[in-house]
Amino acid sequence: MRAKTNYDFYLILATTVVLFVISAICIYGMFYFKLAQVNQLATTAKINYMNAMNSVLAPFLIALIVLLGICVPKRLLPTVWLNRFSVLLVLCAIVAALIVDVQMSLVLVLVVSLVLQVVVLLMACAGSTELNFEKKGYWVRVGSSLLHLGLIVCVLDFFFYRYLTLHLVLFWITTVSLSLGMVFCFYAESFSRLLQKKNTPATDNQ
């Protein structure tokens, strides 16, 4: 149990650090773009700037995708099988990168994570007790599942933003999932009390 707790802690810590770095790079990129007036530079200079920012961001995005590929199945699998699954997923990603390209390997990891997260969400909504969550409570589990789903779809959208229709679909899935996930997590007790009141039969006054 102690090992499982440490495993979860390190995964959460690593994911938080990577997300912080990605956020910092994006914020720096936006301010630099504005202050350096990159939009007024020649097209070649703009392309070079974008390529440079993508090169800086790429390793952290890859790290986030790999972490998502590990974090999601940990809800379904015990630690031993999780390690085996992680190794198999990394090997499949490497093979896909060698056969096609790195982008395809990352998309593969994201798609596998997305499918597993949908399974986790459905099981959480059904009230399954087979899932591995740190916190108890129906709404917390559903909210956490929605937050992970929104995060995966958000990262996946980076690869398909050029396709307008698909981009809009992924954008709204991200928005709805993250919004509902935060509401369910932050107000889990309120939702539980509300349902208890509705399910409690009214007593007749005597």
Protein backbone atom coordinates (compact mmCIF):
# COMPACT_ATOMS: atom_id res chain seq x y z
CA MET A 1 0.00 0.00 0.00
CA ARG A 2 2.91 2.30 0.86
CA ALA A 3 4.57 1.61 -2.49
CA LYS A 4 1.31 2.35 -4.31
CA THR A 5 0.98 5.68 -2.45
CA ASN A 6 4.56 6.66 -3.30
CA TYR A 7 3.99 5.65 -6.93
CA ASP A 8 0.91 7.87 -7.16
CA PHE A 9 2.71 10.73 -5.41
CA TYR A 10 5.65 10.69 -7.80
CA LEU A 11 3.34 10.51 -10.83
CA ILE A 12 1.31 13.48 -9.57
CA LEU A 13 4.48 15.43 -8.74
CA ALA A 14 6.04 14.75 -12.14
CA THR A 15 2.84 15.69 -13.97
CA THR A 16 2.52 18.92 -11.96
CA VAL A 17 6.12 19.92 -12.70
CA VAL A 18 5.76 19.21 -16.42
CA LEU A 19 2.48 21.15 -16.63
CA PHE A 20 4.08 24.08 -14.78
CA VAL A 21 7.01 24.15 -17.20
CA ILE A 22 4.68 23.99 -20.22
CA SER A 23 2.60 26.85 -18.80
CA ALA A 24 5.72 28.92 -18.12
CA ILE A 25 7.00 28.39 -21.68
CA CYS A 26 3.62 29.35 -23.16
CA ILE A 27 3.37 32.50 -21.02
CA TYR A 28 6.96 33.49 -21.87
CA GLY A 29 6.27 32.85 -25.57
CA MET A 30 3.18 35.08 -25.56
CA PHE A 31 4.93 37.98 -23.80
CA TYR A 32 8.03 37.68 -25.99
CA PHE A 33 5.84 37.58 -29.11
CA LYS A 34 4.18 40.83 -28.00
CA LEU A 35 7.23 42.69 -26.68
CA ALA A 36 9.54 41.69 -29.53
CA GLN A 37 6.78 42.50 -32.05
CA VAL A 38 7.30 39.20 -33.83
CA ASN A 39 4.06 39.75 -35.75
CA GLN A 40 5.73 42.64 -37.56
CA LEU A 41 8.75 40.60 -38.66
CA ALA A 42 9.17 38.91 -42.02
CA THR A 43 7.38 35.63 -42.62
CA THR A 44 10.63 33.68 -42.42
CA ALA A 45 11.43 35.18 -39.01
CA LYS A 46 7.95 34.32 -37.74
CA ILE A 47 8.33 30.71 -38.91
CA ASN A 48 11.75 30.47 -37.26
CA TYR A 49 10.30 31.81 -34.01
CA MET A 50 7.46 29.29 -34.06
CA ASN A 51 9.83 26.43 -34.86
CA ALA A 52 12.13 27.49 -32.03
CA MET A 53 9.26 27.61 -29.53
CA ASN A 54 7.99 24.23 -30.73
CA SER A 55 11.47 22.76 -30.27
CA VAL A 56 11.63 24.06 -26.69
CA LEU A 57 8.14 22.82 -25.88
CA ALA A 58 8.39 19.43 -27.59
CA PRO A 59 10.36 17.50 -24.89
CA PHE A 60 7.96 18.58 -22.15
CA LEU A 61 4.93 17.77 -24.28
CA ILE A 62 6.37 14.31 -24.93
CA ALA A 63 6.97 13.88 -21.19
CA LEU A 64 3.37 14.89 -20.46
CA ILE A 65 2.02 12.42 -23.02
CA VAL A 66 4.11 9.60 -21.55
CA LEU A 67 2.94 10.50 -18.03
CA LEU A 68 -0.68 10.48 -19.21
CA GLY A 69 -0.08 7.09 -20.76
CA ILE A 70 0.96 5.85 -17.31
CA CYS A 71 -1.46 7.81 -15.09
CA VAL A 72 -4.64 6.68 -16.80
CA PRO A 73 -4.21 2.88 -16.63
CA LYS A 74 -3.17 3.11 -12.96
CA ARG A 75 -6.88 3.54 -12.22
CA LEU A 76 -7.51 0.10 -13.71
CA LEU A 77 -4.40 -1.95 -13.06
CA PRO A 78 -2.40 -2.97 -9.98
CA THR A 79 1.17 -1.66 -9.79
CA VAL A 80 2.80 -4.82 -11.21
CA TRP A 81 0.58 -4.88 -14.29
CA LEU A 82 0.83 -1.11 -14.61
CA ASN A 83 4.61 -1.37 -14.95
CA ARG A 84 4.24 -4.06 -17.61
CA PHE A 85 1.64 -2.03 -19.47
CA SER A 86 3.85 1.09 -19.35
CA VAL A 87 6.82 -0.81 -20.80
CA LEU A 88 4.62 -2.29 -23.56
CA LEU A 89 3.15 1.13 -24.37
CA VAL A 90 6.60 2.73 -24.60
CA LEU A 91 7.82 -0.09 -26.86
CA CYS A 92 4.80 0.33 -29.15
CA ALA A 93 5.42 4.09 -29.28
CA ILE A 94 9.08 3.51 -30.21
CA VAL A 95 8.10 1.07 -32.97
CA ALA A 96 5.52 3.55 -34.31
CA ALA A 97 8.15 6.31 -34.27
CA LEU A 98 10.60 4.14 -36.22
CA ILE A 99 8.02 2.96 -38.76
CA VAL A 100 6.14 6.25 -39.27
CA ASP A 101 7.33 9.24 -37.20
CA VAL A 102 7.46 10.63 -33.65
CA GLN A 103 4.17 12.48 -34.05
CA MET A 104 2.34 9.27 -34.90
CA SER A 105 3.86 7.53 -31.86
CA LEU A 106 2.64 10.32 -29.57
CA VAL A 107 -0.82 10.24 -31.12
CA LEU A 108 -0.85 6.48 -30.52
CA VAL A 109 -0.10 6.97 -26.82
CA LEU A 110 -2.80 9.64 -26.55
CA VAL A 111 -5.42 7.54 -28.33
CA VAL A 112 -4.72 4.55 -26.07
CA SER A 113 -4.91 6.84 -23.03
CA LEU A 114 -8.16 8.35 -24.31
CA VAL A 115 -9.80 4.94 -24.79
CA LEU A 116 -8.73 3.82 -21.33
CA GLN A 117 -9.90 7.09 -19.78
CA VAL A 118 -13.34 6.72 -21.37
CA VAL A 119 -13.52 3.25 -19.80
CA VAL A 120 -12.50 4.73 -16.43
CA LEU A 121 -15.13 7.48 -16.75
CA LEU A 122 -17.89 5.00 -17.60
CA MET A 123 -16.90 2.77 -14.67
CA ALA A 124 -16.78 5.78 -12.35
CA CYS A 125 -20.23 6.93 -13.49
CA ALA A 126 -21.51 3.38 -12.89
CA GLY A 127 -20.15 3.52 -9.34
CA SER A 128 -17.59 0.75 -9.82
CA THR A 129 -15.45 -0.11 -6.78
CA GLU A 130 -12.74 -1.74 -8.93
CA LEU A 131 -11.05 1.57 -9.75
CA ASN A 132 -7.93 2.75 -7.91
CA PHE A 133 -8.55 6.26 -6.58
CA GLU A 134 -6.77 8.04 -3.75
CA LYS A 135 -9.97 9.72 -2.58
CA LYS A 136 -13.34 8.17 -1.94
CA GLY A 137 -16.69 9.54 -3.03
CA TYR A 138 -18.73 9.13 -6.17
CA TRP A 139 -18.59 12.74 -7.39
CA VAL A 140 -14.87 13.12 -6.70
CA ARG A 141 -14.17 10.04 -8.81
CA VAL A 142 -16.40 11.21 -11.65
CA GLY A 143 -14.89 14.71 -11.46
CA SER A 144 -11.33 13.38 -11.47
CA SER A 145 -12.13 11.15 -14.46
CA LEU A 146 -13.55 14.11 -16.36
CA LEU A 147 -10.50 16.25 -15.58
CA HIS A 148 -8.15 13.57 -16.89
CA LEU A 149 -10.33 13.12 -19.99
CA GLY A 150 -10.29 16.86 -20.67
CA LEU A 151 -6.52 17.02 -20.26
CA ILE A 152 -5.94 14.15 -22.70
CA VAL A 153 -8.28 15.64 -25.31
CA CYS A 154 -6.63 19.06 -24.84
CA VAL A 155 -3.18 17.62 -25.60
CA LEU A 156 -4.60 15.60 -28.50
CA ASP A 157 -6.00 18.81 -29.95
CA PHE A 158 -2.43 20.10 -30.43
CA PHE A 159 -2.01 17.51 -33.18
CA PHE A 160 -5.27 18.26 -35.02
CA TYR A 161 -5.69 22.03 -34.71
CA ARG A 162 -5.29 22.40 -38.47
CA TYR A 163 -8.53 20.44 -39.03
CA LEU A 164 -11.13 23.05 -38.10
CA THR A 165 -14.13 20.76 -37.53
CA LEU A 166 -12.18 18.20 -35.50
CA HIS A 167 -10.44 21.00 -33.61
CA LEU A 168 -13.77 22.51 -32.58
CA VAL A 169 -15.10 19.12 -31.45
CA LEU A 170 -11.99 18.45 -29.37
CA PHE A 171 -12.06 22.00 -28.00
CA TRP A 172 -15.64 21.69 -26.73
CA ILE A 173 -15.03 18.22 -25.31
CA THR A 174 -12.06 19.68 -23.43
CA THR A 175 -14.06 22.67 -22.20
CA VAL A 176 -17.06 20.65 -21.02
CA SER A 177 -14.97 17.89 -19.43
CA LEU A 178 -12.69 20.26 -17.52
CA SER A 179 -15.57 22.51 -16.43
CA LEU A 180 -17.76 19.65 -15.17
CA GLY A 181 -14.74 17.93 -13.64
CA MET A 182 -13.84 20.98 -11.56
CA VAL A 183 -17.45 21.51 -10.48
CA PHE A 184 -17.87 17.87 -9.41
CA CYS A 185 -14.53 17.83 -7.56
CA PHE A 186 -14.94 21.17 -5.79
CA TYR A 187 -18.61 20.68 -4.89
CA ALA A 188 -18.67 16.92 -4.37
CA GLU A 189 -20.16 17.18 -0.87
CA SER A 190 -22.89 19.55 -2.07
CA PHE A 191 -23.90 17.14 -4.85
CA SER A 192 -23.93 14.24 -2.37
CA ARG A 193 -26.17 16.13 0.08
CA LEU A 194 -28.49 17.20 -2.73
CA LEU A 195 -28.96 13.62 -3.92
CA GLN A 196 -29.47 12.38 -0.37
CA LYS A 197 -32.28 14.89 0.13
CA LYS A 198 -33.94 13.81 -3.11
CA ASN A 199 -33.66 10.12 -2.27
CA THR A 200 -34.85 10.51 1.31
CA PRO A 201 -38.64 9.92 1.41
CA ALA A 202 -40.62 12.61 3.14
CA THR A 203 -42.19 11.55 6.42
CA ASP A 204 -45.85 12.23 7.07
CA ASN A 205 -46.67 14.52 9.96
CA GLN A 206 -48.65 12.75 12.61
